[in-house]
Amino acid sequence: MIIPNYEGVCNVESNFTYYFKTLVNKVASMIDFKNLPENIDEEYLKEQLILAGKICFTQFNEHLYALNGNVGGEPNCYY
């Protein structure tokens, strides 16, 4: 008997997406921030720290903002 459109464990892309999202959700649930300013989105902060590994805090008009950071400096052949 052949079951049509059943890929099961052989659908690598679907399985990877499921387990990756599950892992990110578990890690995000373990992070808890205390004394975080009201204008900084906690979910955005968690997402950037888990997926990108870096965040940049800056102050503008007496408010603190969290931005996704990036490597900077003088460009060279390795950058």
N, C-alpha and C. Protein backbone atom coordinates (compact mmCIF):
# COMPACT_ATOMS: atom_id res chain seq x y z
N MET A 1 0.83 -1.17 0.00
CA MET A 1 0.00 0.00 0.00
C MET A 1 0.89 1.25 0.00
N ILE A 2 0.67 2.16 -0.90
CA ILE A 2 1.43 3.39 -1.02
C ILE A 2 0.57 4.55 -0.54
N ILE A 3 1.11 5.34 0.38
CA ILE A 3 0.40 6.51 0.88
C ILE A 3 0.86 7.71 0.06
N PRO A 4 -0.03 8.36 -0.67
CA PRO A 4 0.39 9.50 -1.51
C PRO A 4 0.76 10.73 -0.67
N ASN A 5 1.76 11.47 -1.15
CA ASN A 5 2.20 12.72 -0.53
C ASN A 5 2.67 12.56 0.91
N TYR A 6 3.16 11.40 1.28
CA TYR A 6 3.69 11.21 2.63
C TYR A 6 5.21 11.12 2.54
N GLU A 7 5.88 12.09 3.12
CA GLU A 7 7.34 12.09 3.08
C GLU A 7 7.94 11.72 4.43
N GLY A 8 7.18 11.92 5.50
CA GLY A 8 7.62 11.53 6.82
C GLY A 8 8.98 12.06 7.20
N VAL A 9 9.83 11.20 7.71
CA VAL A 9 11.16 11.62 8.17
C VAL A 9 12.08 11.97 7.02
N CYS A 10 11.70 11.67 5.80
CA CYS A 10 12.55 11.97 4.65
C CYS A 10 12.45 13.43 4.21
N ASN A 11 11.49 14.18 4.71
CA ASN A 11 11.37 15.58 4.36
C ASN A 11 12.30 16.39 5.26
N VAL A 12 13.55 16.51 4.84
CA VAL A 12 14.59 17.12 5.64
C VAL A 12 14.30 18.60 5.91
N GLU A 13 13.86 19.34 4.92
CA GLU A 13 13.62 20.77 5.09
C GLU A 13 12.52 21.04 6.11
N SER A 14 11.45 20.29 6.04
CA SER A 14 10.35 20.46 6.98
C SER A 14 10.77 20.08 8.40
N ASN A 15 11.50 18.99 8.54
CA ASN A 15 11.97 18.55 9.85
C ASN A 15 12.96 19.54 10.45
N PHE A 16 13.87 20.06 9.62
CA PHE A 16 14.84 21.04 10.10
C PHE A 16 14.13 22.28 10.62
N THR A 17 13.17 22.79 9.84
CA THR A 17 12.43 23.98 10.24
C THR A 17 11.71 23.75 11.56
N TYR A 18 11.06 22.61 11.71
CA TYR A 18 10.33 22.30 12.94
C TYR A 18 11.27 22.26 14.15
N TYR A 19 12.37 21.53 14.04
CA TYR A 19 13.28 21.38 15.17
C TYR A 19 14.04 22.67 15.47
N PHE A 20 14.36 23.46 14.43
CA PHE A 20 15.02 24.73 14.64
C PHE A 20 14.12 25.69 15.40
N LYS A 21 12.86 25.80 15.00
CA LYS A 21 11.91 26.67 15.70
C LYS A 21 11.68 26.19 17.12
N THR A 22 11.60 24.88 17.32
CA THR A 22 11.42 24.34 18.66
C THR A 22 12.61 24.68 19.55
N LEU A 23 13.83 24.53 19.03
CA LEU A 23 15.03 24.84 19.79
C LEU A 23 15.10 26.33 20.14
N VAL A 24 14.80 27.20 19.18
CA VAL A 24 14.84 28.65 19.43
C VAL A 24 13.80 29.02 20.48
N ASN A 25 12.61 28.44 20.42
CA ASN A 25 11.58 28.73 21.42
C ASN A 25 12.01 28.27 22.82
N LYS A 26 12.65 27.12 22.91
CA LYS A 26 13.11 26.63 24.22
C LYS A 26 14.19 27.53 24.79
N VAL A 27 15.13 27.95 23.95
CA VAL A 27 16.20 28.83 24.42
C VAL A 27 15.63 30.18 24.83
N ALA A 28 14.70 30.73 24.04
CA ALA A 28 14.10 32.02 24.36
C ALA A 28 13.32 31.97 25.66
N SER A 29 12.70 30.84 25.96
CA SER A 29 11.93 30.73 27.20
C SER A 29 12.84 30.67 28.43
N MET A 30 14.13 30.36 28.23
CA MET A 30 15.06 30.30 29.35
C MET A 30 15.65 31.67 29.69
N ILE A 31 15.51 32.64 28.81
CA ILE A 31 16.08 33.97 29.03
C ILE A 31 15.05 34.85 29.71
N ASP A 32 15.47 35.53 30.78
CA ASP A 32 14.59 36.45 31.49
C ASP A 32 15.38 37.71 31.82
N PHE A 33 14.88 38.85 31.37
CA PHE A 33 15.53 40.12 31.61
C PHE A 33 14.88 40.81 32.80
N LYS A 34 15.70 41.48 33.60
CA LYS A 34 15.19 42.25 34.74
C LYS A 34 15.59 43.71 34.54
N ASN A 35 14.72 44.62 34.96
CA ASN A 35 14.96 46.06 34.88
C ASN A 35 15.21 46.53 33.44
N LEU A 36 14.52 45.96 32.49
CA LEU A 36 14.63 46.35 31.09
C LEU A 36 13.78 47.60 30.86
N PRO A 37 14.32 48.63 30.19
CA PRO A 37 13.52 49.84 29.93
C PRO A 37 12.24 49.50 29.15
N GLU A 38 11.20 50.30 29.37
CA GLU A 38 9.89 50.02 28.78
C GLU A 38 9.89 50.06 27.25
N ASN A 39 10.72 50.90 26.64
CA ASN A 39 10.67 51.04 25.19
C ASN A 39 11.49 49.98 24.45
N ILE A 40 12.16 49.07 25.15
CA ILE A 40 12.90 47.99 24.49
C ILE A 40 12.03 46.74 24.46
N ASP A 41 11.82 46.22 23.26
CA ASP A 41 10.99 45.03 23.07
C ASP A 41 11.78 43.78 23.49
N GLU A 42 11.28 43.09 24.49
CA GLU A 42 11.98 41.92 25.03
C GLU A 42 12.07 40.79 24.01
N GLU A 43 11.03 40.57 23.24
CA GLU A 43 11.04 39.50 22.23
C GLU A 43 12.06 39.79 21.13
N TYR A 44 12.15 41.06 20.70
CA TYR A 44 13.13 41.44 19.68
C TYR A 44 14.55 41.24 20.22
N LEU A 45 14.76 41.62 21.46
CA LEU A 45 16.07 41.47 22.09
C LEU A 45 16.48 40.00 22.15
N LYS A 46 15.56 39.14 22.57
CA LYS A 46 15.85 37.70 22.61
C LYS A 46 16.17 37.16 21.22
N GLU A 47 15.34 37.54 20.25
CA GLU A 47 15.52 37.05 18.87
C GLU A 47 16.89 37.44 18.32
N GLN A 48 17.29 38.69 18.51
CA GLN A 48 18.58 39.14 17.98
C GLN A 48 19.75 38.47 18.69
N LEU A 49 19.65 38.27 19.99
CA LEU A 49 20.74 37.63 20.72
C LEU A 49 20.88 36.15 20.35
N ILE A 50 19.76 35.47 20.13
CA ILE A 50 19.82 34.05 19.79
C ILE A 50 20.25 33.84 18.35
N LEU A 51 19.64 34.56 17.41
CA LEU A 51 19.89 34.31 15.99
C LEU A 51 21.12 35.03 15.46
N ALA A 52 21.36 36.26 15.88
CA ALA A 52 22.50 37.02 15.35
C ALA A 52 23.69 37.02 16.30
N GLY A 53 23.44 36.89 17.61
CA GLY A 53 24.52 36.84 18.58
C GLY A 53 25.03 38.19 19.03
N LYS A 54 24.40 39.25 18.55
CA LYS A 54 24.88 40.57 18.96
C LYS A 54 23.74 41.58 18.93
N ILE A 55 23.88 42.62 19.74
CA ILE A 55 22.89 43.69 19.82
C ILE A 55 23.64 44.97 20.18
N CYS A 56 23.15 46.09 19.73
CA CYS A 56 23.78 47.37 20.01
C CYS A 56 22.77 48.25 20.73
N PHE A 57 23.16 48.79 21.88
CA PHE A 57 22.31 49.71 22.63
C PHE A 57 22.77 51.13 22.34
N THR A 58 21.82 52.01 22.07
CA THR A 58 22.13 53.40 21.84
C THR A 58 21.09 54.28 22.52
N GLN A 59 21.49 55.49 22.83
CA GLN A 59 20.59 56.42 23.50
C GLN A 59 20.28 57.57 22.54
N PHE A 60 18.98 57.88 22.40
CA PHE A 60 18.53 58.97 21.54
C PHE A 60 17.36 59.66 22.22
N ASN A 61 17.44 60.98 22.35
CA ASN A 61 16.41 61.76 23.03
C ASN A 61 16.07 61.20 24.42
N GLU A 62 17.11 60.87 25.17
CA GLU A 62 16.98 60.35 26.54
C GLU A 62 16.23 59.02 26.63
N HIS A 63 16.16 58.27 25.53
CA HIS A 63 15.57 56.93 25.53
C HIS A 63 16.64 55.95 25.05
N LEU A 64 16.63 54.76 25.63
CA LEU A 64 17.56 53.72 25.26
C LEU A 64 16.92 52.80 24.23
N TYR A 65 17.64 52.51 23.14
CA TYR A 65 17.12 51.66 22.07
C TYR A 65 18.07 50.49 21.85
N ALA A 66 17.49 49.34 21.48
CA ALA A 66 18.28 48.16 21.12
C ALA A 66 18.20 47.98 19.61
N LEU A 67 19.35 47.94 18.96
CA LEU A 67 19.42 47.80 17.51
C LEU A 67 20.23 46.56 17.16
N ASN A 68 19.95 45.98 15.99
CA ASN A 68 20.77 44.84 15.59
C ASN A 68 22.13 45.37 15.16
N GLY A 69 23.16 44.86 15.78
CA GLY A 69 24.51 45.34 15.53
C GLY A 69 25.14 44.62 14.36
N ASN A 70 26.23 45.18 13.87
CA ASN A 70 26.96 44.57 12.79
C ASN A 70 28.43 44.93 12.94
N VAL A 71 29.28 44.14 12.35
CA VAL A 71 30.70 44.39 12.40
C VAL A 71 31.00 45.60 11.54
N GLY A 72 31.80 46.50 12.06
CA GLY A 72 32.14 47.70 11.29
C GLY A 72 33.62 47.86 11.18
N GLY A 73 34.02 49.02 10.76
CA GLY A 73 35.44 49.30 10.64
C GLY A 73 35.84 49.45 9.20
N GLU A 74 37.13 49.57 8.99
CA GLU A 74 37.68 49.75 7.66
C GLU A 74 37.54 48.45 6.86
N PRO A 75 36.84 48.48 5.71
CA PRO A 75 36.71 47.25 4.90
C PRO A 75 38.07 46.82 4.35
N ASN A 76 38.26 45.51 4.33
CA ASN A 76 39.47 44.96 3.71
C ASN A 76 39.09 43.68 2.98
N CYS A 77 40.07 42.95 2.51
CA CYS A 77 39.80 41.77 1.69
C CYS A 77 39.12 40.64 2.47
N TYR A 78 39.17 40.65 3.81
CA TYR A 78 38.54 39.61 4.61
C TYR A 78 37.18 40.01 5.16
N TYR A 79 36.72 41.22 4.91
CA TYR A 79 35.48 41.72 5.48
C TYR A 79 34.34 41.58 4.51
